[in-house]
Amino acid sequence: MTKPTLLFISMGELATHLLEIIARTDIFDTIVVASRDITKAQKKVNNAVLGAGIEGHFTRVYAEELNVDNLNFPTKLAAINPDFIFSAPSLLPWWNTTTGGINVPFAGFTSLHLSLMEKFRNQIAQANLNAFWIGASFPDVINAVLNRTGFGPDCGIGNVQEPIAKIQMGVSQMLACPADRVEVKLVAQHAFEYYVLNATVPNELPPYLLKATLDGKDITSIADEALRQPFPFSYDLHFNRVSASSGLVALKALTQKETSKIHLPGIGALVGGFPVIASKSGVTIDIASEWSLEQAVFVNEESLKWDGISQITKDGTIVFTDKTQRALYELSGKFIDTLSVETAQDQAKDLLYALS
């Protein structure tokens, strides 16, 4: 049976880490590394294939020049004809923003992601592919915005998936049981992980839903205690390695005939992350039986405030909280209360100027 083809578009830190991991597996028959800078892409390829080859993996990996600003982007993309597309572009990575001491909530930088993702959306749509698109740039929010305004990613990776192992390991220590026997279902939005993967976990957390079982027995209270234990963590370049592991889990699940229970953020037009059942047939939300989908959606939308967003309207407009508006005014000297696909390019330019 022919294995699928994976295309990486935009090679930042996250995509680079994921490439290195995926090249060391046999999930894909072909991996295409695309960038507007073919020399950069080829160097990324060579690093990945050399390391993978040392470990005995020889997946076909090659570089391709692909510039989202060029008119030939859809034609070249259609010629590659990938089964999966992974993109995580940003005009300025979250770990590289210097605000001069101004406390800007995470959502204040959303235009730096949305402006590029909207360009990719338009070009990918024109290629008329049947590819599964993983959008990993602030997926809990960006994917919802794109899907509410037209074509958008199928899902993201990371975020909600990342505290799961902490819970399993914590329960394992508390109950002296194998961690992989602890089954966890978590509904949570992007902001959540920054509070629970921390040296100090506050009493008040962003809204979430949690259900945990051990061999069918409910242990949710124990899992919640494990979740709230101190967990010193470095939010720097190394964090991309953790997110890449989440990407590996997602791609493994999405390429297999058998179903897997994992967690994914940014599913279609939905905000935040959910437990899902995933396979090559697609993604199905798999919330606990005592929750409703409406309840899960409400929890994730309420959590947006912790990232600096008041709401995301049905037409895909992001409305910033007062705190975010004040911070953006202090940073840029401009009153910015909303963000949309129509304003993303100009807002990103203003931010880049203010941050330069």
Protein backbone atom coordinates (compact mmCIF):
# COMPACT_ATOMS: atom_id res chain seq x y z
CA MET A 1 0.00 0.00 0.00
CA THR A 2 1.35 3.43 -0.98
CA LYS A 3 2.04 5.67 1.98
CA PRO A 4 0.91 9.31 1.92
CA THR A 5 2.89 12.44 1.05
CA LEU A 6 3.42 15.22 3.59
CA LEU A 7 4.13 18.81 2.60
CA PHE A 8 5.70 21.32 4.98
CA ILE A 9 4.95 24.93 4.04
CA SER A 10 7.05 27.52 5.91
CA MET A 11 9.99 26.20 7.90
CA GLY A 12 10.07 27.88 11.27
CA GLU A 13 11.22 26.27 14.51
CA LEU A 14 8.12 24.12 15.01
CA ALA A 15 8.05 22.77 11.46
CA THR A 16 11.79 22.09 11.62
CA HIS A 17 11.45 20.05 14.81
CA LEU A 18 8.52 18.12 13.38
CA LEU A 19 10.43 17.42 10.16
CA GLU A 20 13.29 15.95 12.15
CA ILE A 21 10.90 13.67 14.05
CA ILE A 22 8.83 12.60 11.05
CA ALA A 23 11.92 11.85 8.94
CA ARG A 24 12.86 9.28 11.58
CA THR A 25 9.61 7.35 11.07
CA ASP A 26 8.04 5.35 8.26
CA ILE A 27 4.70 7.18 8.32
CA PHE A 28 5.14 8.90 4.94
CA ASP A 29 6.43 7.71 1.59
CA THR A 30 7.51 11.24 0.61
CA ILE A 31 8.11 14.45 2.57
CA VAL A 32 8.32 17.76 0.69
CA VAL A 33 9.95 20.73 2.42
CA ALA A 34 8.74 23.94 0.75
CA SER A 35 10.03 27.45 1.32
CA ARG A 36 10.45 30.69 -0.56
CA ASP A 37 14.18 30.17 0.14
CA ILE A 38 15.18 26.94 -1.64
CA THR A 39 18.69 27.05 -0.15
CA LYS A 40 17.25 27.19 3.37
CA ALA A 41 14.85 24.37 2.54
CA GLN A 42 17.63 22.17 1.15
CA LYS A 43 19.72 22.66 4.28
CA LYS A 44 16.74 21.65 6.44
CA VAL A 45 16.26 18.57 4.26
CA ASN A 46 19.91 17.57 4.41
CA ASN A 47 20.03 17.88 8.19
CA ALA A 48 16.90 15.77 8.58
CA VAL A 49 17.82 13.01 6.11
CA LEU A 50 21.34 12.70 7.48
CA GLY A 51 20.14 12.23 11.04
CA ALA A 52 17.34 9.92 9.97
CA GLY A 53 19.71 7.87 7.84
CA ILE A 54 22.09 7.41 10.76
CA GLU A 55 19.15 5.96 12.65
CA GLY A 56 18.22 3.69 9.73
CA HIS A 57 15.31 5.63 8.20
CA PHE A 58 15.48 6.56 4.52
CA THR A 59 12.19 8.25 3.69
CA ARG A 60 12.28 10.29 0.46
CA VAL A 61 12.61 13.94 1.47
CA TYR A 62 13.20 16.79 -0.97
CA ALA A 63 13.12 20.59 -1.08
CA GLU A 64 10.82 22.69 -3.24
CA GLU A 65 10.71 26.42 -3.83
CA LEU A 66 7.22 27.66 -3.02
CA ASN A 67 6.48 31.33 -2.40
CA VAL A 68 3.02 32.18 -1.08
CA ASP A 69 3.26 35.62 -2.73
CA ASN A 70 3.77 34.20 -6.24
CA LEU A 71 0.92 33.63 -8.68
CA ASN A 72 2.25 30.16 -9.53
CA PHE A 73 1.79 28.93 -5.95
CA PRO A 74 -1.48 27.04 -6.63
CA THR A 75 -0.08 25.41 -9.78
CA LYS A 76 3.09 24.24 -8.06
CA LEU A 77 1.12 23.07 -5.04
CA ALA A 78 -1.25 21.09 -7.24
CA ALA A 79 1.75 19.46 -8.96
CA ILE A 80 3.10 18.31 -5.58
CA ASN A 81 -0.40 17.02 -4.75
CA PRO A 82 0.24 16.24 -1.07
CA ASP A 83 -2.06 14.14 1.09
CA PHE A 84 -1.23 16.25 4.15
CA ILE A 85 -0.15 19.88 4.50
CA PHE A 86 1.50 21.24 7.64
CA SER A 87 1.89 25.00 8.05
CA ALA A 88 2.90 27.11 11.04
CA PRO A 89 3.92 30.49 9.62
CA SER A 90 4.46 33.67 11.59
CA LEU A 91 5.87 37.07 10.70
CA LEU A 92 7.53 37.13 14.11
CA PRO A 93 7.61 34.09 16.44
CA TRP A 94 6.01 34.47 19.88
CA TRP A 95 9.37 33.79 21.54
CA ASN A 96 11.01 36.66 19.64
CA THR A 97 8.72 39.57 20.51
CA THR A 98 10.26 42.44 22.48
CA THR A 99 7.66 44.90 23.75
CA GLY A 100 9.78 47.25 25.81
CA GLY A 101 8.18 46.12 29.04
CA ILE A 102 4.59 46.53 27.81
CA ASN A 103 2.49 43.56 28.95
CA VAL A 104 0.72 42.55 25.74
CA PRO A 105 -1.60 39.53 26.07
CA PHE A 106 -0.83 36.69 23.68
CA ALA A 107 -3.80 37.55 21.46
CA GLY A 108 -2.30 40.97 20.77
CA PHE A 109 0.12 39.30 18.33
CA THR A 110 -2.54 37.30 16.45
CA SER A 111 -2.24 39.40 13.29
CA LEU A 112 1.36 38.20 12.90
CA HIS A 113 -0.06 34.71 12.42
CA LEU A 114 -3.38 35.45 10.73
CA SER A 115 -1.91 37.67 8.03
CA LEU A 116 0.22 34.81 6.68
CA MET A 117 -2.30 32.04 7.30
CA GLU A 118 -4.91 34.01 5.34
CA LYS A 119 -2.47 34.20 2.41
CA PHE A 120 -1.87 30.47 2.57
CA ARG A 121 -5.63 29.86 2.83
CA ASN A 122 -6.32 31.75 -0.38
CA GLN A 123 -3.55 30.03 -2.33
CA ILE A 124 -4.29 26.51 -1.05
CA ALA A 125 -7.96 26.96 -1.89
CA GLN A 126 -7.08 27.82 -5.48
CA ALA A 127 -5.03 24.61 -5.81
CA ASN A 128 -8.26 22.64 -5.32
CA LEU A 129 -6.58 19.78 -3.47
CA ASN A 130 -8.02 16.92 -1.47
CA ALA A 131 -5.33 17.31 1.20
CA PHE A 132 -5.79 17.31 4.97
CA TRP A 133 -4.52 20.67 6.20
CA ILE A 134 -2.99 21.05 9.66
CA GLY A 135 -2.74 24.73 10.59
CA ALA A 136 -0.49 25.08 13.64
CA SER A 137 -0.23 28.88 14.00
CA PHE A 138 -2.26 29.70 17.15
CA PRO A 139 -4.76 27.08 15.90
CA ASP A 140 -7.30 27.47 18.72
CA VAL A 141 -8.14 30.89 17.27
CA ILE A 142 -6.71 31.23 13.75
CA ASN A 143 -8.37 28.06 12.44
CA ALA A 144 -11.75 29.18 13.70
CA VAL A 145 -11.35 32.60 12.06
CA LEU A 146 -10.36 31.11 8.70
CA ASN A 147 -13.13 28.51 8.71
CA ARG A 148 -15.73 31.13 9.63
CA THR A 149 -14.67 33.23 6.64
CA GLY A 150 -14.28 30.51 4.01
CA PHE A 151 -11.74 27.76 3.46
CA GLY A 152 -9.61 26.81 6.46
CA PRO A 153 -7.47 24.15 8.14
CA ASP A 154 -8.97 20.84 9.20
CA CYS A 155 -7.29 21.02 12.62
CA GLY A 156 -4.21 22.16 14.50
CA ILE A 157 -1.78 20.38 16.83
CA GLY A 158 -0.48 20.86 20.36
CA ASN A 159 -1.94 23.03 23.13
CA VAL A 160 -4.73 20.84 24.59
CA GLN A 161 -2.63 17.70 23.96
CA GLU A 162 0.35 18.93 25.93
CA PRO A 163 -0.90 18.76 29.57
CA ILE A 164 -2.23 15.20 29.07
CA ALA A 165 1.10 13.47 29.77
CA LYS A 166 1.57 15.59 32.90
CA ILE A 167 -1.77 14.30 34.20
CA GLN A 168 -0.95 10.68 33.33
CA MET A 169 2.49 10.83 34.95
CA GLY A 170 1.10 12.55 38.04
CA VAL A 171 -1.65 9.97 38.51
CA SER A 172 0.88 7.20 37.93
CA GLN A 173 3.01 8.49 40.81
CA MET A 174 0.02 9.01 43.09
CA LEU A 175 -1.60 5.61 42.45
CA ALA A 176 1.50 3.54 41.58
CA CYS A 177 -0.02 2.50 38.27
CA PRO A 178 1.28 2.53 34.67
CA ALA A 179 0.78 6.00 33.18
CA ASP A 180 -0.53 4.63 29.90
CA ARG A 181 -3.49 3.02 31.69
CA VAL A 182 -4.77 6.46 32.69
CA GLU A 183 -7.28 7.65 30.10
CA VAL A 184 -7.83 11.41 30.02
CA LYS A 185 -10.37 13.60 28.25
CA LEU A 186 -9.66 17.33 28.40
CA VAL A 187 -11.46 20.28 26.89
CA ALA A 188 -9.27 23.37 27.06
CA GLN A 189 -8.22 26.38 25.05
CA HIS A 190 -4.66 27.57 24.25
CA ALA A 191 -4.21 29.72 27.37
CA PHE A 192 -4.76 26.76 29.68
CA GLU A 193 -1.41 25.04 29.24
CA TYR A 194 0.58 28.14 30.25
CA TYR A 195 -1.05 28.00 33.69
CA VAL A 196 -0.74 24.25 34.33
CA LEU A 197 2.73 23.77 32.82
CA ASN A 198 4.25 26.16 35.30
CA ALA A 199 6.33 26.20 38.47
CA THR A 200 3.37 27.81 40.24
CA VAL A 201 -0.11 26.62 39.33
CA PRO A 202 -2.69 29.19 40.51
CA ASN A 203 -5.95 28.21 42.18
CA GLU A 204 -7.91 29.93 39.44
CA LEU A 205 -7.37 28.45 35.99
CA PRO A 206 -8.89 29.19 32.58
CA PRO A 207 -12.17 27.26 32.18
CA TYR A 208 -11.75 23.57 31.30
CA LEU A 209 -13.47 20.19 31.44
CA LEU A 210 -11.60 17.12 32.71
CA LYS A 211 -12.51 13.45 32.94
CA ALA A 212 -10.04 10.69 33.83
CA THR A 213 -10.44 6.96 34.32
CA LEU A 214 -8.18 4.08 35.33
CA ASP A 215 -9.34 0.71 34.03
CA GLY A 216 -12.85 2.15 33.76
CA LYS A 217 -12.90 3.66 37.28
CA ASP A 218 -13.45 7.39 37.57
CA ILE A 219 -10.36 9.11 39.03
CA THR A 220 -11.11 12.64 37.87
CA SER A 221 -10.48 14.24 41.27
CA ILE A 222 -7.07 12.59 41.49
CA ALA A 223 -6.26 13.64 37.92
CA ASP A 224 -7.25 17.21 38.73
CA GLU A 225 -4.94 17.17 41.72
CA ALA A 226 -2.12 15.89 39.51
CA LEU A 227 -2.89 18.60 36.96
CA ARG A 228 -2.47 21.30 39.60
CA GLN A 229 0.94 20.17 40.84
CA PRO A 230 3.94 22.51 40.23
CA PHE A 231 5.62 21.77 36.91
CA PRO A 232 8.56 24.10 36.12
CA PHE A 233 8.70 24.67 32.38
CA SER A 234 10.73 26.71 29.91
CA TYR A 235 8.71 28.64 27.34
CA ASP A 236 11.53 29.17 24.89
CA LEU A 237 12.77 27.55 21.68
CA HIS A 238 12.83 24.12 23.34
CA PHE A 239 9.05 24.26 23.77
CA ASN A 240 8.76 23.65 20.01
CA ARG A 241 10.09 20.14 20.61
CA VAL A 242 7.09 19.39 22.82
CA SER A 243 4.68 20.80 20.23
CA ALA A 244 6.42 18.72 17.55
CA SER A 245 5.74 15.60 19.63
CA SER A 246 2.06 16.55 19.58
CA GLY A 247 2.35 16.89 15.81
CA LEU A 248 3.82 13.40 15.56
CA VAL A 249 0.96 11.95 17.61
CA ALA A 250 -1.57 13.68 15.35
CA LEU A 251 0.05 12.59 12.08
CA LYS A 252 0.40 9.00 13.28
CA ALA A 253 -3.30 8.91 14.13
CA LEU A 254 -4.45 10.64 10.94
CA THR A 255 -2.56 8.26 8.65
CA GLN A 256 -3.75 4.99 10.20
CA LYS A 257 -6.81 2.90 9.36
CA GLU A 258 -7.27 2.09 13.05
CA THR A 259 -8.68 4.83 15.27
CA SER A 260 -6.70 6.58 18.01
CA LYS A 261 -7.89 8.65 20.96
CA ILE A 262 -5.91 11.89 21.03
CA HIS A 263 -6.50 15.61 21.58
CA LEU A 264 -6.55 18.29 18.89
CA PRO A 265 -7.12 22.07 18.85
CA GLY A 266 -8.54 24.22 16.08
CA ILE A 267 -10.99 21.72 14.60
CA GLY A 268 -12.81 23.48 11.79
CA ALA A 269 -14.67 26.54 13.03
CA LEU A 270 -14.52 25.51 16.70
CA VAL A 271 -12.46 27.47 19.21
CA GLY A 272 -10.06 25.63 21.50
CA GLY A 273 -9.16 21.98 21.92
CA PHE A 274 -11.09 18.74 22.33
CA PRO A 275 -10.59 15.02 22.88
CA VAL A 276 -11.07 13.31 19.52
CA ILE A 277 -11.07 9.98 17.74
CA ALA A 278 -8.76 10.28 14.75
CA SER A 279 -7.84 8.06 11.81
CA LYS A 280 -7.27 8.34 8.06
CA SER A 281 -11.07 8.64 7.84
CA GLY A 282 -10.95 11.95 9.68
CA VAL A 283 -11.57 13.48 13.11
CA THR A 284 -14.57 13.02 15.40
CA ILE A 285 -14.97 14.93 18.67
CA ASP A 286 -15.04 12.48 21.59
CA ILE A 287 -16.17 14.33 24.70
CA ALA A 288 -17.15 12.54 27.90
CA SER A 289 -20.70 11.23 28.01
CA GLU A 290 -21.68 13.62 30.81
CA TRP A 291 -20.72 16.68 28.74
CA SER A 292 -22.59 18.23 25.84
CA LEU A 293 -20.83 19.66 22.81
CA GLU A 294 -22.49 23.01 23.58
CA GLN A 295 -20.98 22.92 27.07
CA ALA A 296 -17.53 22.11 25.70
CA VAL A 297 -17.74 24.89 23.12
CA PHE A 298 -18.86 27.36 25.80
CA VAL A 299 -15.92 26.44 28.06
CA ASN A 300 -13.39 27.05 25.29
CA GLU A 301 -14.96 30.33 24.23
CA GLU A 302 -15.01 31.56 27.84
CA SER A 303 -11.29 30.76 28.07
CA LEU A 304 -10.49 33.20 25.25
CA LYS A 305 -10.41 36.06 27.75
CA TRP A 306 -7.33 34.51 29.34
CA ASP A 307 -5.53 34.99 26.03
CA GLY A 308 -6.81 38.56 25.65
CA ILE A 309 -9.86 37.97 23.42
CA SER A 310 -13.37 39.00 24.39
CA GLN A 311 -15.03 36.93 21.67
CA ILE A 312 -14.77 35.63 18.11
CA THR A 313 -17.92 36.54 16.24
CA LYS A 314 -19.76 34.24 13.85
CA ASP A 315 -18.26 36.14 10.91
CA GLY A 316 -14.72 35.48 12.19
CA THR A 317 -13.96 38.86 13.76
CA ILE A 318 -11.72 38.78 16.84
CA VAL A 319 -12.79 41.29 19.51
CA PHE A 320 -9.96 42.09 21.91
CA THR A 321 -10.43 42.55 25.66
CA ASP A 322 -9.97 46.01 27.14
CA LYS A 323 -6.58 44.91 28.51
CA THR A 324 -5.38 43.91 25.06
CA GLN A 325 -6.71 47.14 23.52
CA ARG A 326 -4.85 49.25 26.09
CA ALA A 327 -1.63 47.29 25.58
CA LEU A 328 -1.81 47.59 21.79
CA TYR A 329 -2.41 51.32 22.05
CA GLU A 330 0.57 51.71 24.37
CA LEU A 331 2.70 49.62 21.99
CA SER A 332 1.62 51.05 18.63
CA GLY A 333 0.00 54.37 19.41
CA LYS A 334 -3.11 53.19 17.55
CA PHE A 335 -6.53 52.20 18.87
CA ILE A 336 -7.00 48.54 17.90
CA ASP A 337 -10.12 46.86 19.21
CA THR A 338 -10.69 44.07 16.65
CA LEU A 339 -8.90 41.87 14.13
CA SER A 340 -10.30 40.27 10.97
CA VAL A 341 -8.95 38.72 7.78
CA GLU A 342 -9.55 42.10 6.12
CA THR A 343 -7.46 44.05 8.65
CA ALA A 344 -4.78 41.43 9.42
CA GLN A 345 -2.19 42.64 6.90
CA ASP A 346 -2.28 46.29 8.02
CA GLN A 347 -2.41 45.40 11.71
CA ALA A 348 0.60 43.10 11.31
CA LYS A 349 2.58 45.89 9.61
CA ASP A 350 1.76 48.26 12.46
CA LEU A 351 2.90 45.68 15.03
CA LEU A 352 6.12 44.89 13.21
CA TYR A 353 6.92 48.61 13.04
CA ALA A 354 6.18 49.04 16.75
CA LEU A 355 8.29 46.01 17.65
CA SER A 356 11.25 46.97 15.48
